[in-house]
Amino acid sequence: MKSLQRKTVLRELTRLDLIYGGRKSGDELEALAKIFFEDCGHMDEAVFIEVCTQHRRNERYFPTPAELIAAHDQIVSRKYVSRKDLIEMPNELSDEQIRINKEGFQKMRERLARAKGMPGPYHRSSREKTTREPGEDG
C-alpha cells in the first residue's frame, strides 16, 4: 500500500485532460492537482490510478474530486467484501454441530416459555393491592 503522491495526481489528471479534450494549461493542471490531492490524498496510489482509469472508461466528462471519492469508496468497499475475505463455511453441518444447535434451540425455547409465563411489571395480575378501599378491614 503506497501513499498517493501529488505527482501521481498531476500525471493522472493530465491523462484525463488529454482524453477529455486537452484544453487545460499546465498551470491549470497544477492548480487542479493541488485541489485533487487535498481531497483525494487519503487514497492509496494504486486505487487512485484505478479510480481514474474507471472514470476514463465509463464517464463522458472530466471528473470532480467528489466523483473520484465516490468511485474510490465503491472500490474499497468491494475489496473488503470479496469472497477471499469471507470465512468459509462447510456446505453441511456435522452431526455434532446439529446436536449442539438443537440443544441450544431447546434451551432458548425453555427460557422463552418461562419468560412468557412470568407477568411483566405492568400486567394486572402482578399488581398488588396497596391501598384499602373504604370499609375494608385489613
N, C-alpha and C. Protein backbone atom coordinates (compact mmCIF):
# COMPACT_ATOMS: atom_id res chain seq x y z
N MET A 1 0.85 -1.18 0.00
CA MET A 1 0.00 0.00 0.00
C MET A 1 0.89 1.23 0.00
N LYS A 2 0.78 2.01 -1.05
CA LYS A 2 1.64 3.18 -1.22
C LYS A 2 0.79 4.43 -1.14
N SER A 3 1.26 5.40 -0.37
CA SER A 3 0.53 6.66 -0.23
C SER A 3 0.50 7.41 -1.56
N LEU A 4 -0.59 8.08 -1.80
CA LEU A 4 -0.76 8.85 -3.02
C LEU A 4 0.21 10.03 -3.03
N GLN A 5 0.87 10.21 -4.15
CA GLN A 5 1.81 11.32 -4.34
C GLN A 5 1.18 12.38 -5.23
N ARG A 6 1.55 13.62 -5.00
CA ARG A 6 0.97 14.71 -5.79
C ARG A 6 1.34 14.58 -7.27
N LYS A 7 2.55 14.10 -7.55
CA LYS A 7 2.96 13.94 -8.95
C LYS A 7 2.10 12.89 -9.66
N THR A 8 1.63 11.89 -8.92
CA THR A 8 0.73 10.89 -9.50
C THR A 8 -0.61 11.52 -9.83
N VAL A 9 -1.08 12.37 -8.93
CA VAL A 9 -2.35 13.08 -9.19
C VAL A 9 -2.22 13.93 -10.44
N LEU A 10 -1.11 14.67 -10.55
CA LEU A 10 -0.88 15.51 -11.73
C LEU A 10 -0.82 14.66 -13.00
N ARG A 11 -0.11 13.54 -12.95
CA ARG A 11 0.01 12.67 -14.12
C ARG A 11 -1.35 12.14 -14.55
N GLU A 12 -2.17 11.67 -13.58
CA GLU A 12 -3.48 11.12 -13.92
C GLU A 12 -4.43 12.20 -14.43
N LEU A 13 -4.38 13.39 -13.83
CA LEU A 13 -5.23 14.49 -14.32
C LEU A 13 -4.82 14.92 -15.72
N THR A 14 -3.53 14.88 -16.01
CA THR A 14 -3.05 15.22 -17.35
C THR A 14 -3.57 14.19 -18.35
N ARG A 15 -3.53 12.93 -18.00
CA ARG A 15 -4.05 11.87 -18.87
C ARG A 15 -5.55 12.07 -19.10
N LEU A 16 -6.27 12.37 -18.02
CA LEU A 16 -7.71 12.60 -18.15
C LEU A 16 -8.00 13.81 -19.04
N ASP A 17 -7.21 14.86 -18.86
CA ASP A 17 -7.41 16.06 -19.67
C ASP A 17 -7.20 15.75 -21.15
N LEU A 18 -6.21 14.94 -21.47
CA LEU A 18 -5.98 14.57 -22.87
C LEU A 18 -7.17 13.82 -23.44
N ILE A 19 -7.74 12.93 -22.62
CA ILE A 19 -8.90 12.16 -23.07
C ILE A 19 -10.11 13.06 -23.29
N TYR A 20 -10.29 14.04 -22.40
CA TYR A 20 -11.48 14.88 -22.44
C TYR A 20 -11.24 16.20 -23.15
N GLY A 21 -10.33 16.26 -24.10
CA GLY A 21 -10.21 17.43 -24.95
C GLY A 21 -8.91 18.21 -24.81
N GLY A 22 -8.13 18.02 -23.79
CA GLY A 22 -6.84 18.67 -23.63
C GLY A 22 -6.87 20.18 -23.65
N ARG A 23 -7.84 20.78 -23.00
CA ARG A 23 -7.99 22.23 -23.02
C ARG A 23 -7.33 22.95 -21.85
N LYS A 24 -6.83 22.22 -20.87
CA LYS A 24 -6.29 22.85 -19.67
C LYS A 24 -4.80 23.12 -19.84
N SER A 25 -4.37 24.29 -19.38
CA SER A 25 -2.95 24.64 -19.44
C SER A 25 -2.20 23.92 -18.33
N GLY A 26 -0.88 23.98 -18.39
CA GLY A 26 -0.05 23.37 -17.35
C GLY A 26 -0.33 23.96 -15.99
N ASP A 27 -0.52 25.30 -15.93
CA ASP A 27 -0.82 25.95 -14.65
C ASP A 27 -2.18 25.51 -14.11
N GLU A 28 -3.15 25.36 -15.00
CA GLU A 28 -4.47 24.90 -14.56
C GLU A 28 -4.39 23.47 -14.02
N LEU A 29 -3.65 22.63 -14.69
CA LEU A 29 -3.50 21.25 -14.23
C LEU A 29 -2.77 21.20 -12.88
N GLU A 30 -1.77 22.06 -12.69
CA GLU A 30 -1.07 22.12 -11.40
C GLU A 30 -2.04 22.54 -10.29
N ALA A 31 -2.85 23.56 -10.58
CA ALA A 31 -3.83 24.03 -9.59
C ALA A 31 -4.85 22.93 -9.28
N LEU A 32 -5.32 22.24 -10.32
CA LEU A 32 -6.27 21.14 -10.12
C LEU A 32 -5.62 20.00 -9.33
N ALA A 33 -4.37 19.71 -9.64
CA ALA A 33 -3.67 18.64 -8.93
C ALA A 33 -3.58 18.95 -7.44
N LYS A 34 -3.36 20.23 -7.11
CA LYS A 34 -3.29 20.62 -5.70
C LYS A 34 -4.64 20.38 -5.02
N ILE A 35 -5.71 20.78 -5.68
CA ILE A 35 -7.06 20.61 -5.12
C ILE A 35 -7.42 19.12 -5.00
N PHE A 36 -7.18 18.38 -6.08
CA PHE A 36 -7.50 16.94 -6.06
C PHE A 36 -6.67 16.22 -5.00
N PHE A 37 -5.41 16.62 -4.83
CA PHE A 37 -4.57 15.98 -3.82
C PHE A 37 -5.09 16.28 -2.41
N GLU A 38 -5.57 17.51 -2.19
CA GLU A 38 -6.17 17.83 -0.89
C GLU A 38 -7.37 16.94 -0.60
N ASP A 39 -8.19 16.70 -1.62
CA ASP A 39 -9.42 15.93 -1.43
C ASP A 39 -9.21 14.42 -1.50
N CYS A 40 -8.23 13.99 -2.26
CA CYS A 40 -8.05 12.56 -2.51
C CYS A 40 -6.75 12.01 -1.91
N GLY A 41 -6.03 12.82 -1.19
CA GLY A 41 -4.73 12.42 -0.66
C GLY A 41 -4.76 11.24 0.28
N HIS A 42 -5.92 10.91 0.82
CA HIS A 42 -6.04 9.76 1.72
C HIS A 42 -6.05 8.42 0.98
N MET A 43 -6.19 8.48 -0.33
CA MET A 43 -6.31 7.25 -1.12
C MET A 43 -4.95 6.58 -1.31
N ASP A 44 -5.01 5.28 -1.46
CA ASP A 44 -3.85 4.52 -1.86
C ASP A 44 -3.55 4.85 -3.32
N GLU A 45 -2.27 4.94 -3.67
CA GLU A 45 -1.90 5.35 -5.03
C GLU A 45 -2.47 4.42 -6.10
N ALA A 46 -2.36 3.12 -5.89
CA ALA A 46 -2.88 2.17 -6.89
C ALA A 46 -4.39 2.30 -7.05
N VAL A 47 -5.09 2.53 -5.95
CA VAL A 47 -6.55 2.68 -6.02
C VAL A 47 -6.90 3.98 -6.74
N PHE A 48 -6.16 5.06 -6.50
CA PHE A 48 -6.41 6.32 -7.19
C PHE A 48 -6.26 6.13 -8.70
N ILE A 49 -5.21 5.43 -9.10
CA ILE A 49 -4.99 5.19 -10.54
C ILE A 49 -6.14 4.35 -11.10
N GLU A 50 -6.58 3.35 -10.36
CA GLU A 50 -7.72 2.52 -10.78
C GLU A 50 -8.99 3.36 -10.91
N VAL A 51 -9.21 4.26 -9.95
CA VAL A 51 -10.38 5.14 -9.99
C VAL A 51 -10.35 6.01 -11.24
N CYS A 52 -9.19 6.59 -11.53
CA CYS A 52 -9.07 7.45 -12.73
C CYS A 52 -9.28 6.63 -14.00
N THR A 53 -8.76 5.42 -14.03
CA THR A 53 -8.93 4.55 -15.20
C THR A 53 -10.40 4.21 -15.40
N GLN A 54 -11.08 3.85 -14.33
CA GLN A 54 -12.51 3.54 -14.45
C GLN A 54 -13.30 4.76 -14.90
N HIS A 55 -12.95 5.94 -14.36
CA HIS A 55 -13.67 7.16 -14.78
C HIS A 55 -13.47 7.38 -16.28
N ARG A 56 -12.24 7.23 -16.72
CA ARG A 56 -11.92 7.44 -18.14
C ARG A 56 -12.71 6.47 -19.02
N ARG A 57 -12.90 5.26 -18.55
CA ARG A 57 -13.60 4.24 -19.35
C ARG A 57 -15.12 4.38 -19.32
N ASN A 58 -15.63 4.98 -18.25
CA ASN A 58 -17.09 4.97 -18.06
C ASN A 58 -17.78 6.32 -18.13
N GLU A 59 -17.05 7.40 -18.02
CA GLU A 59 -17.69 8.71 -17.94
C GLU A 59 -17.36 9.57 -19.15
N ARG A 60 -18.20 10.57 -19.39
CA ARG A 60 -18.05 11.40 -20.58
C ARG A 60 -17.38 12.74 -20.31
N TYR A 61 -17.24 13.13 -19.05
CA TYR A 61 -16.70 14.44 -18.71
C TYR A 61 -15.56 14.34 -17.70
N PHE A 62 -14.74 15.36 -17.68
CA PHE A 62 -13.63 15.45 -16.73
C PHE A 62 -14.19 15.33 -15.31
N PRO A 63 -13.53 14.57 -14.45
CA PRO A 63 -14.10 14.28 -13.12
C PRO A 63 -13.98 15.43 -12.14
N THR A 64 -14.81 15.37 -11.13
CA THR A 64 -14.68 16.25 -9.96
C THR A 64 -14.07 15.39 -8.85
N PRO A 65 -13.49 16.01 -7.83
CA PRO A 65 -13.00 15.21 -6.71
C PRO A 65 -14.10 14.34 -6.10
N ALA A 66 -15.31 14.86 -6.01
CA ALA A 66 -16.41 14.10 -5.41
C ALA A 66 -16.69 12.82 -6.19
N GLU A 67 -16.61 12.88 -7.50
CA GLU A 67 -16.84 11.69 -8.31
C GLU A 67 -15.76 10.64 -8.07
N LEU A 68 -14.51 11.10 -7.98
CA LEU A 68 -13.41 10.16 -7.74
C LEU A 68 -13.49 9.56 -6.33
N ILE A 69 -13.88 10.36 -5.36
CA ILE A 69 -14.03 9.86 -3.99
C ILE A 69 -15.14 8.82 -3.92
N ALA A 70 -16.26 9.07 -4.60
CA ALA A 70 -17.37 8.10 -4.61
C ALA A 70 -16.93 6.80 -5.27
N ALA A 71 -16.20 6.90 -6.37
CA ALA A 71 -15.71 5.69 -7.05
C ALA A 71 -14.71 4.96 -6.16
N HIS A 72 -13.87 5.71 -5.48
CA HIS A 72 -12.90 5.11 -4.53
C HIS A 72 -13.62 4.33 -3.45
N ASP A 73 -14.66 4.93 -2.87
CA ASP A 73 -15.39 4.27 -1.79
C ASP A 73 -16.03 2.97 -2.27
N GLN A 74 -16.53 2.95 -3.50
CA GLN A 74 -17.11 1.72 -4.05
C GLN A 74 -16.05 0.64 -4.23
N ILE A 75 -14.90 1.03 -4.76
CA ILE A 75 -13.82 0.06 -4.99
C ILE A 75 -13.34 -0.51 -3.67
N VAL A 76 -13.13 0.35 -2.70
CA VAL A 76 -12.63 -0.11 -1.40
C VAL A 76 -13.64 -1.01 -0.71
N SER A 77 -14.93 -0.66 -0.76
CA SER A 77 -15.94 -1.49 -0.11
C SER A 77 -16.05 -2.85 -0.80
N ARG A 78 -15.88 -2.88 -2.11
CA ARG A 78 -15.91 -4.16 -2.84
C ARG A 78 -14.73 -5.04 -2.43
N LYS A 79 -13.59 -4.43 -2.21
CA LYS A 79 -12.41 -5.22 -1.84
C LYS A 79 -12.59 -5.87 -0.48
N TYR A 80 -13.27 -5.20 0.43
CA TYR A 80 -13.48 -5.77 1.75
C TYR A 80 -14.51 -6.88 1.74
N VAL A 81 -15.37 -6.91 0.75
CA VAL A 81 -16.43 -7.91 0.70
C VAL A 81 -16.07 -9.04 -0.27
N SER A 82 -14.86 -9.02 -0.78
CA SER A 82 -14.50 -10.05 -1.74
C SER A 82 -14.57 -11.43 -1.09
N ARG A 83 -14.83 -12.42 -1.88
CA ARG A 83 -15.04 -13.77 -1.36
C ARG A 83 -13.84 -14.31 -0.60
N LYS A 84 -12.63 -13.92 -0.98
CA LYS A 84 -11.46 -14.47 -0.30
C LYS A 84 -11.38 -14.00 1.14
N ASP A 85 -12.03 -12.89 1.47
CA ASP A 85 -12.01 -12.38 2.83
C ASP A 85 -13.09 -12.99 3.71
N LEU A 86 -14.04 -13.69 3.12
CA LEU A 86 -15.12 -14.28 3.89
C LEU A 86 -14.68 -15.59 4.53
N ILE A 87 -15.24 -15.90 5.66
CA ILE A 87 -14.94 -17.16 6.33
C ILE A 87 -15.65 -18.27 5.57
N GLU A 88 -14.93 -19.30 5.27
CA GLU A 88 -15.54 -20.41 4.56
C GLU A 88 -16.33 -21.27 5.53
N MET A 89 -17.54 -21.56 5.16
CA MET A 89 -18.43 -22.38 5.98
C MET A 89 -18.64 -23.70 5.24
N PRO A 90 -18.73 -24.78 6.00
CA PRO A 90 -18.99 -26.07 5.34
C PRO A 90 -20.38 -26.08 4.72
N ASN A 91 -20.52 -26.82 3.64
CA ASN A 91 -21.83 -26.91 2.98
C ASN A 91 -22.85 -27.61 3.86
N GLU A 92 -22.40 -28.59 4.64
CA GLU A 92 -23.30 -29.33 5.51
C GLU A 92 -22.76 -29.30 6.92
N LEU A 93 -23.66 -29.31 7.89
CA LEU A 93 -23.25 -29.35 9.29
C LEU A 93 -22.96 -30.78 9.71
N SER A 94 -22.00 -30.92 10.59
CA SER A 94 -21.70 -32.25 11.12
C SER A 94 -22.81 -32.67 12.07
N ASP A 95 -22.88 -33.97 12.35
CA ASP A 95 -23.88 -34.47 13.30
C ASP A 95 -23.70 -33.82 14.66
N GLU A 96 -22.45 -33.63 15.06
CA GLU A 96 -22.16 -32.99 16.35
C GLU A 96 -22.69 -31.55 16.38
N GLN A 97 -22.48 -30.81 15.29
CA GLN A 97 -22.95 -29.41 15.25
C GLN A 97 -24.47 -29.37 15.25
N ILE A 98 -25.11 -30.28 14.56
CA ILE A 98 -26.57 -30.34 14.55
C ILE A 98 -27.09 -30.59 15.96
N ARG A 99 -26.45 -31.53 16.69
CA ARG A 99 -26.85 -31.82 18.07
C ARG A 99 -26.68 -30.58 18.96
N ILE A 100 -25.54 -29.90 18.83
CA ILE A 100 -25.29 -28.69 19.63
C ILE A 100 -26.33 -27.62 19.33
N ASN A 101 -26.64 -27.42 18.04
CA ASN A 101 -27.64 -26.41 17.65
C ASN A 101 -29.01 -26.75 18.21
N LYS A 102 -29.40 -28.04 18.14
CA LYS A 102 -30.71 -28.45 18.66
C LYS A 102 -30.80 -28.21 20.16
N GLU A 103 -29.73 -28.53 20.88
CA GLU A 103 -29.72 -28.29 22.33
C GLU A 103 -29.84 -26.79 22.63
N GLY A 104 -29.13 -25.98 21.87
CA GLY A 104 -29.21 -24.53 22.06
C GLY A 104 -30.60 -23.99 21.79
N PHE A 105 -31.24 -24.48 20.73
CA PHE A 105 -32.60 -24.04 20.42
C PHE A 105 -33.57 -24.47 21.52
N GLN A 106 -33.39 -25.69 22.01
CA GLN A 106 -34.26 -26.19 23.08
C GLN A 106 -34.13 -25.30 24.32
N LYS A 107 -32.92 -24.94 24.69
CA LYS A 107 -32.70 -24.07 25.85
C LYS A 107 -33.34 -22.71 25.64
N MET A 108 -33.24 -22.17 24.41
CA MET A 108 -33.87 -20.88 24.13
C MET A 108 -35.39 -20.99 24.24
N ARG A 109 -35.98 -22.09 23.72
CA ARG A 109 -37.43 -22.28 23.82
C ARG A 109 -37.87 -22.35 25.28
N GLU A 110 -37.11 -23.07 26.10
CA GLU A 110 -37.45 -23.17 27.51
C GLU A 110 -37.39 -21.82 28.21
N ARG A 111 -36.36 -21.06 27.93
CA ARG A 111 -36.25 -19.72 28.54
C ARG A 111 -37.39 -18.82 28.07
N LEU A 112 -37.74 -18.90 26.81
CA LEU A 112 -38.82 -18.09 26.28
C LEU A 112 -40.15 -18.49 26.92
N ALA A 113 -40.38 -19.79 27.08
CA ALA A 113 -41.62 -20.25 27.71
C ALA A 113 -41.70 -19.77 29.15
N ARG A 114 -40.59 -19.82 29.87
CA ARG A 114 -40.58 -19.32 31.25
C ARG A 114 -40.83 -17.82 31.28
N ALA A 115 -40.23 -17.10 30.35
CA ALA A 115 -40.41 -15.65 30.32
C ALA A 115 -41.86 -15.29 29.97
N LYS A 116 -42.48 -16.04 29.08
CA LYS A 116 -43.87 -15.77 28.72
C LYS A 116 -44.81 -16.03 29.89
N GLY A 117 -44.46 -17.00 30.73
CA GLY A 117 -45.30 -17.33 31.87
C GLY A 117 -45.17 -16.33 33.00
N MET A 118 -44.17 -15.49 32.97
CA MET A 118 -43.96 -14.52 34.04
C MET A 118 -44.62 -13.21 33.66
N PRO A 119 -45.53 -12.72 34.47
CA PRO A 119 -46.18 -11.45 34.13
C PRO A 119 -45.18 -10.31 34.27
N GLY A 120 -45.34 -9.33 33.41
CA GLY A 120 -44.48 -8.15 33.48
C GLY A 120 -44.92 -7.22 34.59
N PRO A 121 -44.13 -6.19 34.85
CA PRO A 121 -44.45 -5.28 35.94
C PRO A 121 -45.74 -4.50 35.74
N TYR A 122 -46.21 -4.41 34.51
CA TYR A 122 -47.43 -3.65 34.25
C TYR A 122 -48.64 -4.55 34.00
N HIS A 123 -48.44 -5.85 34.15
CA HIS A 123 -49.52 -6.80 33.96
C HIS A 123 -50.45 -6.74 35.18
N ARG A 124 -51.77 -6.86 34.95
CA ARG A 124 -52.74 -6.73 36.02
C ARG A 124 -52.52 -7.72 37.16
N SER A 125 -52.16 -8.94 36.82
CA SER A 125 -52.01 -9.95 37.86
C SER A 125 -50.77 -9.71 38.71
N SER A 126 -49.84 -8.91 38.25
CA SER A 126 -48.63 -8.69 39.02
C SER A 126 -48.76 -7.50 39.98
N ARG A 127 -49.84 -6.74 39.82
CA ARG A 127 -50.03 -5.60 40.73
C ARG A 127 -50.58 -6.06 42.07
N GLU A 128 -50.02 -5.55 43.11
CA GLU A 128 -50.54 -5.87 44.44
C GLU A 128 -51.41 -4.71 44.89
N LYS A 129 -52.39 -5.06 45.61
CA LYS A 129 -53.28 -4.02 46.13
C LYS A 129 -52.55 -3.33 47.28
N THR A 130 -52.29 -2.07 47.13
CA THR A 130 -51.51 -1.37 48.16
C THR A 130 -52.34 -0.43 48.97
N THR A 131 -53.52 -0.08 48.50
CA THR A 131 -54.39 0.81 49.28
C THR A 131 -55.69 0.09 49.59
N ARG A 132 -56.28 0.45 50.69
CA ARG A 132 -57.54 -0.19 51.09
C ARG A 132 -58.70 0.67 50.65
N GLU A 133 -59.70 -0.01 50.25
CA GLU A 133 -60.93 0.67 49.90
C GLU A 133 -61.65 1.04 51.21
N PRO A 134 -62.46 2.12 51.17
CA PRO A 134 -63.20 2.47 52.39
C PRO A 134 -64.11 1.31 52.81
N GLY A 135 -64.08 1.00 54.06
CA GLY A 135 -64.93 -0.05 54.63
C GLY A 135 -64.25 -1.40 54.63
N GLU A 136 -63.02 -1.53 54.05
CA GLU A 136 -62.33 -2.81 54.06
C GLU A 136 -61.57 -2.94 55.37
N ASP A 137 -61.56 -4.11 55.85
CA ASP A 137 -60.76 -4.40 57.02
C ASP A 137 -59.52 -5.14 56.59
N GLY A 138 -58.43 -4.85 57.23
CA GLY A 138 -57.18 -5.44 56.80
C GLY A 138 -56.72 -6.44 57.65
